[in-house]
């Protein structure tokens, strides 16, 4: 795109973090910009100080924009998006994240003139291009489920092997032994945030491990980084509210292969996953290592056994068999370990040392985290997709004592993947004895409507003896989730298992457009004490 030929652009959601840098880039090219946002913020005030006009409202019905084209954020309600596009028929529009990535690609491919290159650098829209990626080994893991755990396993094993790795995930960031407070809310950090974190990496830091999300890849948040090793856990049905369909979601994930590999990189793929064949075809002139818990391949796990102490299985690698013990719950973590193993082997570690190191792995905050064992178990897990929820409930089902019950507390996020709600309801019905529905970031949606959709699937489940309890009020904000958890703990008897899913490590709960302080782990501990 020839940005210097643009006269005026209208931007919806102009106060967002990504929008800020897009606006800064365009403003440096003397392009006229008009914006819309719901309410003022520090960013919008700064933009207004540059002379940018901002309307603090959504566009009115029938409002036609005066500009070459308009850019919108996917945070905008879908109904509003459709209305605005209909009101502005014939006018080009771009989704903000994809427009951001388009700017990045134009810079990478040398498609910018001198003034555009200067604006690109001065706006700080792509700071990661300033990183010397050859000083350190760069590793990344992506997938729908398990990527945080896999990244953390790699970090743990490398540390015990004597290296000094840095770790950046949606849970937090670590450099060596030091934890950094990132305040992240389940997404890949922006380029600017990653750059600030990487600047803190000391000269002797040997590895940087980064968890990559589909949003982060699609929106160019990792632009400028190339990786020595990458791994994929799985690609199931998630974030289709943003990507549209599974193929587009898979294509976004595949950008880690097509856009972010060094010349001699290694790609570790899950042969059990639906996307395996698609991803493998994307890998050109790079080494591929496959892993499986179902078929014989490069790295294979078989004879998997799980109990309350953890998981034990046989590992087949290079025609040798090894016994592995994982000190954690969740049979699905075997696949996560195999992915981590493939990457660690290519970092020069001996397989026996990796197996020994994983014995001391403490897991990840909010991933099948056992808060209490007696008189009944209480577990907090991040599972927020049908696949992850099914895996989590199947694992904890094994922990329920004879004649005891599994009690499941969960909800579904507003303005996110509404299609999965009935499926998750059905899964909870068939694997839990008592289902308690509550809030999980309802945002601008009606919580009762969200839970109606979950209940529809719950009632289609095969368990006719299941019990359903709902907490739907929104006038007390976080109190609705606290009351749901409290109810689960009140109902629990000796030998029962209570599992609370969906929020785990996160530090806030969103109602409307407000993020209220909240953490499942802290709340559960406080309720148990009281």
Protein backbone atom coordinates (compact mmCIF):
# COMPACT_ATOMS: atom_id res chain seq x y z
CA UNK A 1 0.00 0.00 0.00
CA UNK A 2 1.24 3.52 -0.80
CA UNK A 3 0.48 5.23 2.50
CA UNK A 4 1.70 8.66 1.33
CA UNK A 5 -1.18 8.76 -1.20
CA UNK A 6 -3.82 8.46 1.53
CA UNK A 7 -5.63 11.68 2.44
CA UNK A 8 -7.97 10.67 5.28
CA UNK A 9 -8.71 7.55 7.36
CA UNK A 10 -11.47 6.88 9.89
CA UNK A 11 -10.52 4.54 12.76
CA UNK A 12 -13.03 2.83 15.05
CA UNK A 13 -11.67 1.86 18.46
CA UNK A 14 -8.92 4.44 18.14
CA UNK A 15 -8.05 4.27 21.84
CA UNK A 16 -6.72 0.71 21.68
CA UNK A 17 -3.06 -0.14 22.13
CA UNK A 18 -2.54 -1.39 18.57
CA UNK A 19 -4.53 1.51 17.14
CA UNK A 20 -2.26 3.98 18.94
CA UNK A 21 0.83 2.89 16.99
CA UNK A 22 -1.06 2.66 13.69
CA UNK A 23 -2.32 6.21 14.25
CA UNK A 24 1.16 7.40 15.16
CA UNK A 25 2.59 5.92 11.96
CA UNK A 26 -0.15 7.50 9.80
CA UNK A 27 0.05 10.83 11.63
CA UNK A 28 3.79 11.07 10.91
CA UNK A 29 2.87 10.81 7.22
CA UNK A 30 0.53 13.84 7.59
CA UNK A 31 -2.58 11.76 6.91
CA UNK A 32 -5.81 13.22 8.29
CA UNK A 33 -7.34 10.90 10.90
CA UNK A 34 -10.74 10.84 12.56
CA UNK A 35 -11.50 8.38 15.34
CA UNK A 36 -14.33 6.82 17.33
CA UNK A 37 -14.14 5.34 20.82
CA UNK A 38 -16.52 4.77 23.71
CA UNK A 39 -14.75 6.85 26.34
CA UNK A 40 -11.64 9.02 26.83
CA UNK A 41 -8.38 7.49 27.99
CA UNK A 42 -4.77 8.59 28.37
CA UNK A 43 -4.12 7.40 24.82
CA UNK A 44 -7.08 9.22 23.27
CA UNK A 45 -6.11 12.41 25.12
CA UNK A 46 -2.61 12.19 23.67
CA UNK A 47 -4.02 11.61 20.19
CA UNK A 48 -6.27 14.64 20.57
CA UNK A 49 -3.23 16.71 21.56
CA UNK A 50 -1.84 15.87 18.09
CA UNK A 51 -4.93 17.48 16.53
CA UNK A 52 -6.84 14.25 15.85
CA UNK A 53 -10.63 14.50 16.08
CA UNK A 54 -12.19 11.76 18.24
CA UNK A 55 -15.93 11.08 18.61
CA UNK A 56 -16.70 9.41 21.94
CA UNK A 57 -19.49 7.17 20.69
CA UNK A 58 -20.17 4.47 18.15
CA UNK A 59 -21.09 5.73 14.67
CA UNK A 60 -24.78 6.61 14.40
CA UNK A 61 -27.12 4.56 12.26
CA UNK A 62 -26.80 5.66 8.64
CA UNK A 63 -23.60 7.63 9.32
CA UNK A 64 -21.33 7.70 6.25
CA UNK A 65 -17.59 8.24 6.77
CA UNK A 66 -15.62 10.94 5.01
CA UNK A 67 -12.31 9.28 4.17
CA UNK A 68 -10.42 7.02 1.78
CA UNK A 69 -11.32 3.99 3.91
CA UNK A 70 -12.03 3.03 7.51
CA UNK A 71 -10.34 0.73 10.00
CA UNK A 72 -12.26 -1.11 12.71
CA UNK A 73 -11.28 -3.17 15.75
CA UNK A 74 -12.69 -6.66 16.28
CA UNK A 75 -13.43 -5.57 19.85
CA UNK A 76 -16.35 -3.71 18.30
CA UNK A 77 -19.64 -5.59 18.63
CA UNK A 78 -20.29 -7.75 15.52
CA UNK A 79 -23.77 -6.30 15.02
CA UNK A 80 -22.32 -2.79 15.09
CA UNK A 81 -19.59 -3.84 12.65
CA UNK A 82 -22.17 -5.22 10.21
CA UNK A 83 -24.32 -2.08 10.46
CA UNK A 84 -21.36 0.25 9.87
CA UNK A 85 -20.20 -1.76 6.85
CA UNK A 86 -23.73 -1.70 5.45
CA UNK A 87 -23.99 2.07 6.03
CA UNK A 88 -20.67 2.54 4.20
CA UNK A 89 -21.20 0.18 1.26
CA UNK A 90 -18.61 0.60 -1.44
CA UNK A 91 -16.02 2.03 0.94
CA UNK A 92 -12.98 -0.11 1.72
CA UNK A 93 -12.50 -1.31 5.29
CA UNK A 94 -9.69 -3.09 7.12
CA UNK A 95 -9.64 -4.96 10.42
CA UNK A 96 -7.17 -3.18 12.69
CA UNK A 97 -4.92 -6.15 13.48
CA UNK A 98 -4.61 -7.11 9.82
CA UNK A 99 -3.94 -3.51 8.81
CA UNK A 100 -1.20 -3.36 11.47
CA UNK A 101 0.36 -6.54 10.06
CA UNK A 102 0.08 -5.13 6.54
CA UNK A 103 2.26 -2.19 7.60
CA UNK A 104 4.77 -4.63 9.09
CA UNK A 105 4.86 -6.76 5.92
CA UNK A 106 5.34 -3.72 3.70
CA UNK A 107 8.38 -2.75 5.80
CA UNK A 108 9.78 -6.30 5.83
CA UNK A 109 9.40 -6.68 2.07
CA UNK A 110 10.95 -3.29 1.26
CA UNK A 111 7.71 -1.87 -0.14
CA UNK A 112 7.99 1.51 1.60
CA UNK A 113 9.43 4.77 0.34
CA UNK A 114 11.89 6.80 2.44
CA UNK A 115 9.28 8.87 4.25
CA UNK A 116 7.25 5.72 5.09
CA UNK A 117 10.35 3.93 6.41
CA UNK A 118 11.14 6.96 8.59
CA UNK A 119 7.56 7.05 9.91
CA UNK A 120 7.75 3.29 10.59
CA UNK A 121 10.88 3.71 12.71
CA UNK A 122 9.84 6.94 14.42
CA UNK A 123 6.41 5.56 15.37
CA UNK A 124 7.97 2.52 17.12
CA UNK A 125 5.34 0.33 15.49
CA UNK A 126 7.84 -2.52 14.96
CA UNK A 127 10.56 -2.22 17.63
CA UNK A 128 11.53 -5.92 17.48
CA UNK A 129 13.38 -5.27 14.23
CA UNK A 130 16.00 -3.61 16.45
CA UNK A 131 16.74 -6.86 18.31
CA UNK A 132 19.89 -8.82 17.43
CA UNK A 133 18.30 -12.28 17.24
CA UNK A 134 21.64 -14.01 16.68
CA UNK A 135 22.95 -13.27 20.18
CA UNK A 136 20.45 -15.64 21.81
CA UNK A 137 18.60 -18.86 21.02
CA UNK A 138 14.94 -18.05 20.35
CA UNK A 139 12.19 -20.65 20.96
CA UNK A 140 8.42 -20.34 20.50
CA UNK A 141 5.41 -22.58 21.10
CA UNK A 142 1.89 -22.05 19.80
CA UNK A 143 -1.37 -24.01 19.79
CA UNK A 144 -4.89 -23.80 21.18
CA UNK A 145 -4.22 -25.61 24.46
CA UNK A 146 -1.07 -26.38 26.42
CA UNK A 147 1.31 -23.79 25.00
CA UNK A 148 1.94 -22.07 28.36
CA UNK A 149 2.68 -25.38 30.07
CA UNK A 150 4.96 -26.51 27.22
CA UNK A 151 6.91 -23.23 27.26
CA UNK A 152 7.32 -23.46 31.02
CA UNK A 153 8.52 -27.08 30.79
CA UNK A 154 11.21 -26.00 28.32
CA UNK A 155 12.23 -23.14 30.61
CA UNK A 156 12.41 -25.49 33.62
CA UNK A 157 14.53 -28.11 31.82
CA UNK A 158 16.94 -25.52 30.37
CA UNK A 159 17.46 -23.91 33.77
CA UNK A 160 18.30 -27.24 35.40
CA UNK A 161 20.70 -27.96 32.54
CA UNK A 162 22.72 -24.89 33.53
CA UNK A 163 21.43 -22.41 30.96
CA UNK A 164 19.96 -19.00 31.75
CA UNK A 165 16.67 -18.78 29.84
CA UNK A 166 14.05 -16.04 29.69
CA UNK A 167 10.35 -16.95 29.49
CA UNK A 168 7.47 -14.83 28.19
CA UNK A 169 3.99 -16.38 28.40
CA UNK A 170 0.42 -15.22 28.98
CA UNK A 171 0.86 -16.09 32.68
CA UNK A 172 3.95 -13.97 33.21
CA UNK A 173 7.58 -13.42 32.36
CA UNK A 174 10.78 -14.72 33.91
CA UNK A 175 14.38 -13.81 33.26
CA UNK A 176 16.68 -16.32 34.92
CA UNK A 177 15.31 -16.71 38.46
CA UNK A 178 13.50 -13.36 38.46
CA UNK A 179 9.77 -13.07 37.83
CA UNK A 180 8.52 -9.91 36.14
CA UNK A 181 5.02 -8.53 36.65
CA UNK A 182 3.58 -8.12 33.15
CA UNK A 183 -0.10 -7.65 33.95
CA UNK A 184 -0.91 -9.69 30.84
CA UNK A 185 -4.45 -10.89 30.20
CA UNK A 186 -4.25 -14.05 28.09
CA UNK A 187 -2.64 -12.75 24.95
CA UNK A 188 0.77 -12.36 23.36
CA UNK A 189 2.18 -9.00 24.54
CA UNK A 190 2.47 -6.18 22.01
CA UNK A 191 5.73 -5.70 20.09
CA UNK A 192 6.50 -2.77 22.35
CA UNK A 193 5.95 -4.82 25.53
CA UNK A 194 8.06 -7.72 24.26
CA UNK A 195 10.81 -5.28 23.29
CA UNK A 196 10.85 -3.77 26.79
CA UNK A 197 11.04 -7.27 28.29
CA UNK A 198 13.82 -8.35 25.94
CA UNK A 199 15.82 -5.21 26.77
CA UNK A 200 15.91 -6.50 30.35
CA UNK A 201 17.48 -9.78 29.25
CA UNK A 202 21.05 -9.72 30.44
CA UNK A 203 23.92 -10.29 28.02
CA UNK A 204 24.51 -13.78 29.39
CA UNK A 205 20.88 -14.92 28.88
CA UNK A 206 21.14 -18.02 26.69
CA UNK A 207 17.56 -18.60 25.50
CA UNK A 208 14.31 -16.68 25.07
CA UNK A 209 11.12 -18.76 25.10
CA UNK A 210 7.97 -16.99 23.86
CA UNK A 211 4.40 -18.25 23.83
CA UNK A 212 2.73 -17.21 20.57
CA UNK A 213 -1.04 -16.75 20.18
CA UNK A 214 -3.00 -16.60 16.94
CA UNK A 215 -3.94 -12.98 17.63
CA UNK A 216 -0.30 -12.07 18.24
CA UNK A 217 0.81 -13.75 15.00
CA UNK A 218 -2.03 -12.34 12.90
CA UNK A 219 -1.44 -8.82 14.21
CA UNK A 220 2.32 -8.83 13.73
CA UNK A 221 3.20 -8.59 17.43
CA UNK A 222 6.23 -10.86 16.90
CA UNK A 223 7.37 -9.09 13.71
CA UNK A 224 11.14 -8.87 13.65
CA UNK A 225 11.74 -12.08 15.59
CA UNK A 226 13.04 -15.31 14.03
CA UNK A 227 13.15 -18.55 16.00
CA UNK A 228 15.65 -21.42 16.22
CA UNK A 229 13.03 -23.92 17.39
CA UNK A 230 9.23 -23.84 17.38
CA UNK A 231 6.60 -26.27 18.61
CA UNK A 232 2.87 -26.79 18.04
CA UNK A 233 0.59 -28.37 20.64
CA UNK A 234 -2.75 -28.56 18.81
CA UNK A 235 -5.14 -26.45 16.76
CA UNK A 236 -8.75 -27.01 17.78
CA UNK A 237 -11.77 -24.70 17.47
CA UNK A 238 -11.08 -21.43 19.27
CA UNK A 239 -11.10 -17.68 18.58
CA UNK A 240 -13.36 -18.14 15.56
CA UNK A 241 -15.08 -14.90 16.57
CA UNK A 242 -11.88 -13.19 15.38
CA UNK A 243 -10.57 -15.48 12.65
CA UNK A 244 -13.92 -16.45 11.13
CA UNK A 245 -13.34 -20.18 10.59
CA UNK A 246 -10.92 -22.96 11.50
CA UNK A 247 -8.91 -22.68 8.27
CA UNK A 248 -8.25 -18.99 8.87
CA UNK A 249 -7.35 -19.76 12.49
CA UNK A 250 -4.94 -22.47 11.32
CA UNK A 251 -3.41 -20.09 8.77
CA UNK A 252 -2.81 -17.55 11.53
CA UNK A 253 -1.03 -20.20 13.62
CA UNK A 254 1.03 -21.27 10.60
CA UNK A 255 2.57 -17.78 10.38
CA UNK A 256 5.03 -18.95 13.03
CA UNK A 257 6.39 -21.33 10.36
CA UNK A 258 6.15 -19.12 7.28
CA UNK A 259 7.26 -15.80 8.80
CA UNK A 260 9.36 -16.51 11.87
CA UNK A 261 11.94 -19.26 11.27
CA UNK A 262 15.70 -18.94 11.07
CA UNK A 263 17.46 -20.77 8.24
CA UNK A 264 18.41 -23.83 10.32
CA UNK A 265 15.31 -23.92 12.50
CA UNK A 266 13.57 -27.04 13.84
CA UNK A 267 9.78 -27.48 13.85
CA UNK A 268 8.14 -29.87 16.37
CA UNK A 269 4.64 -31.00 15.36
CA UNK A 270 1.86 -33.03 17.00
CA UNK A 271 1.05 -35.94 14.69
CA UNK A 272 -2.21 -36.57 16.59
CA UNK A 273 -3.55 -33.12 15.70
CA UNK A 274 -5.91 -32.32 12.85
CA UNK A 275 -3.58 -29.57 11.60
CA UNK A 276 -0.48 -31.80 11.36
CA UNK A 277 -0.62 -32.37 7.60
CA UNK A 278 -1.36 -28.72 6.84
CA UNK A 279 1.46 -27.44 9.02
CA UNK A 280 4.00 -29.98 7.77
CA UNK A 281 3.42 -28.84 4.17
CA UNK A 282 4.22 -25.27 5.27
CA UNK A 283 7.70 -26.31 6.47
CA UNK A 284 10.18 -25.88 3.61
CA UNK A 285 13.83 -26.94 3.94
CA UNK A 286 13.60 -27.19 7.73
CA UNK A 287 13.86 -30.20 10.04
CA UNK A 288 10.53 -31.56 11.33
CA UNK A 289 10.20 -33.68 14.47
CA UNK A 290 6.81 -35.29 15.10
CA UNK A 291 5.42 -36.60 18.37
CA UNK A 292 2.39 -38.72 19.23
CA UNK A 293 0.52 -40.55 21.96
CA UNK A 294 -1.41 -42.59 19.38
CA UNK A 295 1.01 -43.68 16.61
CA UNK A 296 4.64 -44.64 16.32
CA UNK A 297 6.62 -41.59 15.16
CA UNK A 298 9.84 -39.70 16.04
CA UNK A 299 8.82 -39.30 19.70
CA UNK A 300 6.07 -41.58 21.01
CA UNK A 301 4.38 -42.13 24.36
CA UNK A 302 2.55 -45.36 25.18
CA UNK A 303 1.17 -47.26 28.17
CA UNK A 304 0.04 -44.01 29.81
CA UNK A 305 -1.20 -44.36 33.39
CA UNK A 306 -2.62 -41.56 35.55
CA UNK A 307 -3.45 -41.39 39.25
CA UNK A 308 -3.57 -38.79 42.01
CA UNK A 309 0.25 -38.67 42.16
CA UNK A 310 0.74 -37.86 38.48
CA UNK A 311 1.34 -39.62 35.17
CA UNK A 312 3.61 -42.49 34.18
CA UNK A 313 4.32 -43.70 30.63
CA UNK A 314 6.82 -45.33 28.30
CA UNK A 315 8.72 -43.06 25.94
CA UNK A 316 10.01 -44.38 22.62
CA UNK A 317 12.83 -42.43 20.99
CA UNK A 318 15.63 -43.51 18.64
CA UNK A 319 14.61 -47.17 19.03
CA UNK A 320 15.04 -46.98 22.81
CA UNK A 321 12.43 -47.13 25.56
CA UNK A 322 12.45 -44.88 28.64
CA UNK A 323 10.15 -44.65 31.67
CA UNK A 324 8.87 -41.13 32.33
CA UNK A 325 7.02 -39.75 35.34
CA UNK A 326 5.25 -36.39 35.24
CA UNK A 327 4.43 -35.00 38.72
CA UNK A 328 1.21 -33.34 37.55
CA UNK A 329 -2.43 -34.01 36.78
CA UNK A 330 -3.90 -34.19 33.27
CA UNK A 331 -3.10 -36.98 30.82
CA UNK A 332 -2.97 -34.37 28.04
CA UNK A 333 0.24 -33.07 29.63
CA UNK A 334 2.02 -36.09 28.12
CA UNK A 335 1.65 -34.42 24.69
CA UNK A 336 2.87 -31.12 26.12
CA UNK A 337 5.95 -32.87 27.50
CA UNK A 338 6.67 -34.61 24.18
CA UNK A 339 6.62 -31.23 22.42
CA UNK A 340 8.97 -29.75 25.03
CA UNK A 341 11.19 -32.80 24.79
CA UNK A 342 11.56 -32.45 21.02
CA UNK A 343 12.70 -28.85 21.40
CA UNK A 344 15.04 -29.55 24.33
CA UNK A 345 16.73 -32.40 22.47
CA UNK A 346 17.50 -30.02 19.61
CA UNK A 347 19.01 -27.62 22.14
CA UNK A 348 21.64 -30.28 22.81
CA UNK A 349 20.24 -31.83 26.00
CA UNK A 350 20.50 -35.56 26.71
CA UNK A 351 17.15 -37.32 26.91
CA UNK A 352 18.01 -38.95 30.26
CA UNK A 353 18.68 -35.53 31.77
CA UNK A 354 15.42 -34.12 30.43
CA UNK A 355 13.47 -37.02 31.96
CA UNK A 356 15.25 -36.49 35.28
CA UNK A 357 14.62 -32.72 35.22
CA UNK A 358 10.88 -33.01 34.65
CA UNK A 359 10.49 -34.89 37.95
CA UNK A 360 10.87 -31.57 39.79
CA UNK A 361 8.51 -29.60 37.52
CA UNK A 362 5.95 -27.80 39.68
CA UNK A 363 3.49 -27.04 36.91
CA UNK A 364 2.06 -23.66 35.92
CA UNK A 365 -0.07 -21.37 38.03
CA UNK A 366 -3.74 -22.17 37.41
CA UNK A 367 -3.07 -25.28 35.33
CA UNK A 368 -4.67 -28.21 37.18
CA UNK A 369 -3.57 -26.53 40.40
CA UNK A 370 -4.65 -28.45 43.49
CA UNK A 371 -5.69 -25.95 46.17
CA UNK A 372 -6.93 -28.51 48.71
CA UNK A 373 -6.79 -32.33 49.02
CA UNK A 374 -8.87 -33.11 52.13
CA UNK A 375 -11.68 -33.58 53.04
CA UNK A 376 -12.50 -32.91 49.36
CA UNK A 377 -10.23 -31.87 46.51
CA UNK A 378 -10.40 -28.37 45.04
CA UNK A 379 -8.69 -27.77 41.69
CA UNK A 380 -8.35 -24.62 39.60
CA UNK A 381 -7.68 -24.93 35.87
CA UNK A 382 -7.57 -22.52 32.95
CA UNK A 383 -9.56 -24.79 30.58
CA UNK A 384 -11.76 -22.48 28.51
CA UNK A 385 -12.15 -24.46 25.27
CA UNK A 386 -14.26 -27.60 24.75
CA UNK A 387 -11.15 -29.73 24.17
CA UNK A 388 -9.32 -28.43 27.24
CA UNK A 389 -12.44 -28.71 29.41
CA UNK A 390 -13.07 -32.29 28.32
CA UNK A 391 -9.46 -33.29 29.02
CA UNK A 392 -9.47 -31.60 32.43
CA UNK A 393 -12.76 -33.18 33.56
CA UNK A 394 -11.72 -36.63 32.35
CA UNK A 395 -8.52 -36.40 34.40
CA UNK A 396 -10.14 -35.16 37.61
CA UNK A 397 -12.93 -37.72 37.22
CA UNK A 398 -10.28 -40.33 38.09
CA UNK A 399 -9.71 -38.58 41.42
CA UNK A 400 -13.34 -38.77 42.58
CA UNK A 401 -13.69 -41.33 45.35
CA UNK A 402 -16.34 -44.09 45.28
CA UNK A 403 -19.87 -42.74 45.79
CA UNK A 404 -18.51 -39.17 45.65
CA UNK A 405 -19.20 -36.44 43.09
CA UNK A 406 -17.47 -34.12 40.64
CA UNK A 407 -18.62 -30.49 40.97
CA UNK A 408 -17.76 -28.18 38.07
CA UNK A 409 -17.88 -24.36 38.16
CA UNK A 410 -17.45 -22.47 34.89
CA UNK A 411 -18.87 -19.95 32.43
CA UNK A 412 -18.08 -18.59 28.99
CA UNK A 413 -16.56 -15.28 27.95
CA UNK A 414 -18.76 -12.64 26.37
CA UNK A 415 -18.14 -11.56 22.77
CA UNK A 416 -15.95 -14.64 22.25
CA UNK A 417 -16.69 -17.87 20.37
CA UNK A 418 -20.38 -18.19 21.31
CA UNK A 419 -20.62 -21.41 19.24
CA UNK A 420 -18.62 -23.36 21.87
CA UNK A 421 -21.02 -22.63 24.74
CA UNK A 422 -23.53 -25.47 24.13
CA UNK A 423 -20.69 -27.94 23.55
CA UNK A 424 -19.04 -27.02 26.85
CA UNK A 425 -22.40 -27.37 28.59
CA UNK A 426 -22.83 -30.86 27.16
CA UNK A 427 -19.31 -31.87 28.21
CA UNK A 428 -19.92 -30.67 31.78
CA UNK A 429 -23.21 -32.56 31.95
CA UNK A 430 -21.63 -35.84 30.87
CA UNK A 431 -18.46 -35.65 32.96
CA UNK A 432 -19.58 -33.79 36.11
CA UNK A 433 -22.30 -34.62 38.61
CA UNK A 434 -23.08 -31.00 39.51
CA UNK A 435 -22.61 -28.11 37.09
CA UNK A 436 -22.59 -24.55 38.42
CA UNK A 437 -22.72 -21.82 35.78
CA UNK A 438 -21.41 -18.34 36.48
CA UNK A 439 -19.60 -15.35 34.97
CA UNK A 440 -16.37 -15.55 32.98
CA UNK A 441 -15.78 -12.08 31.53
CA UNK A 442 -19.32 -11.47 30.19
CA UNK A 443 -18.18 -8.08 28.89
CA UNK A 444 -21.08 -6.36 27.11
CA UNK A 445 -23.19 -9.53 26.79
CA UNK A 446 -26.12 -10.46 29.04
CA UNK A 447 -24.87 -13.15 31.44
CA UNK A 448 -28.27 -14.85 31.43
CA UNK A 449 -28.12 -15.21 27.63
CA UNK A 450 -24.61 -16.70 27.82
CA UNK A 451 -25.70 -19.23 30.42
CA UNK A 452 -28.89 -20.02 28.48
CA UNK A 453 -26.67 -21.12 25.59
CA UNK A 454 -24.50 -23.25 27.88
CA UNK A 455 -27.60 -24.78 29.50
CA UNK A 456 -29.02 -25.70 26.08
CA UNK A 457 -26.01 -27.95 25.50
CA UNK A 458 -26.09 -29.21 29.10
CA UNK A 459 -29.67 -30.45 28.65
CA UNK A 460 -28.63 -32.33 25.50
CA UNK A 461 -26.11 -34.34 27.56
CA UNK A 462 -26.64 -38.02 28.38
CA UNK A 463 -26.48 -37.61 32.17
CA UNK A 464 -30.10 -37.47 33.25
CA UNK A 465 -29.14 -37.40 36.93
CA UNK A 466 -26.93 -34.32 36.71
CA UNK A 467 -27.71 -31.18 38.68
CA UNK A 468 -27.50 -27.67 37.21
CA UNK A 469 -27.21 -24.48 39.28
CA UNK A 470 -26.95 -20.99 37.77
CA UNK A 471 -25.62 -17.68 39.04
CA UNK A 472 -26.69 -15.04 36.53
CA UNK A 473 -26.99 -11.64 38.18
CA UNK A 474 -24.67 -8.88 36.99
CA UNK A 475 -25.47 -6.14 39.49
CA UNK A 476 -22.84 -7.37 41.98
CA UNK A 477 -20.03 -7.77 39.47
CA UNK A 478 -17.40 -10.26 40.70
CA UNK A 479 -19.76 -11.37 43.48
CA UNK A 480 -21.56 -13.62 41.02
CA UNK A 481 -18.46 -15.77 40.48
CA UNK A 482 -17.56 -15.68 44.17
CA UNK A 483 -21.06 -16.88 45.09
CA UNK A 484 -20.86 -19.71 42.54
CA UNK A 485 -17.55 -20.95 43.93
CA UNK A 486 -18.85 -20.59 47.48
CA UNK A 487 -21.88 -22.71 46.57
CA UNK A 488 -19.64 -25.44 45.15
CA UNK A 489 -17.58 -25.54 48.35
CA UNK A 490 -20.74 -25.64 50.48
CA UNK A 491 -22.07 -28.61 48.50
CA UNK A 492 -18.80 -30.56 48.56
CA UNK A 493 -18.61 -33.65 50.79
CA UNK A 494 -15.81 -36.03 51.74
CA UNK A 495 -14.22 -37.55 48.64
CA UNK A 496 -15.77 -35.05 46.20
CA UNK A 497 -13.74 -33.08 43.69
CA UNK A 498 -14.52 -29.42 42.95
CA UNK A 499 -12.97 -28.02 39.78
CA UNK A 500 -13.22 -24.34 38.82
CA UNK A 501 -12.28 -23.64 35.20
CA UNK A 502 -11.92 -20.72 32.81
CA UNK A 503 -10.06 -17.98 34.72
CA UNK A 504 -7.27 -19.56 36.79
CA UNK A 505 -4.22 -17.24 36.83
CA UNK A 506 -5.97 -14.19 35.35
CA UNK A 507 -6.02 -11.07 37.48
CA UNK A 508 -9.32 -9.51 36.43
CA UNK A 509 -12.95 -10.22 35.58
CA UNK A 510 -14.60 -8.07 32.91
CA UNK A 511 -18.15 -6.73 33.17
CA UNK A 512 -19.17 -4.20 30.54
CA UNK A 513 -15.93 -2.46 29.69
CA UNK A 514 -14.55 -2.54 33.22
CA UNK A 515 -11.88 -4.98 34.40
CA UNK A 516 -12.51 -5.72 38.10
CA UNK A 517 -9.70 -7.19 40.22
CA UNK A 518 -10.16 -10.96 40.45
CA UNK A 519 -8.09 -14.14 40.77
CA UNK A 520 -9.67 -17.60 41.06
CA UNK A 521 -6.79 -19.04 43.07
CA UNK A 522 -6.80 -16.27 45.68
CA UNK A 523 -10.59 -16.28 45.93
CA UNK A 524 -10.78 -20.05 46.40
CA UNK A 525 -8.13 -19.95 49.13
CA UNK A 526 -9.95 -17.12 50.91
CA UNK A 527 -13.31 -18.95 50.74
CA UNK A 528 -11.77 -22.17 52.07
CA UNK A 529 -10.25 -20.27 55.00
CA UNK A 530 -13.58 -18.65 55.83
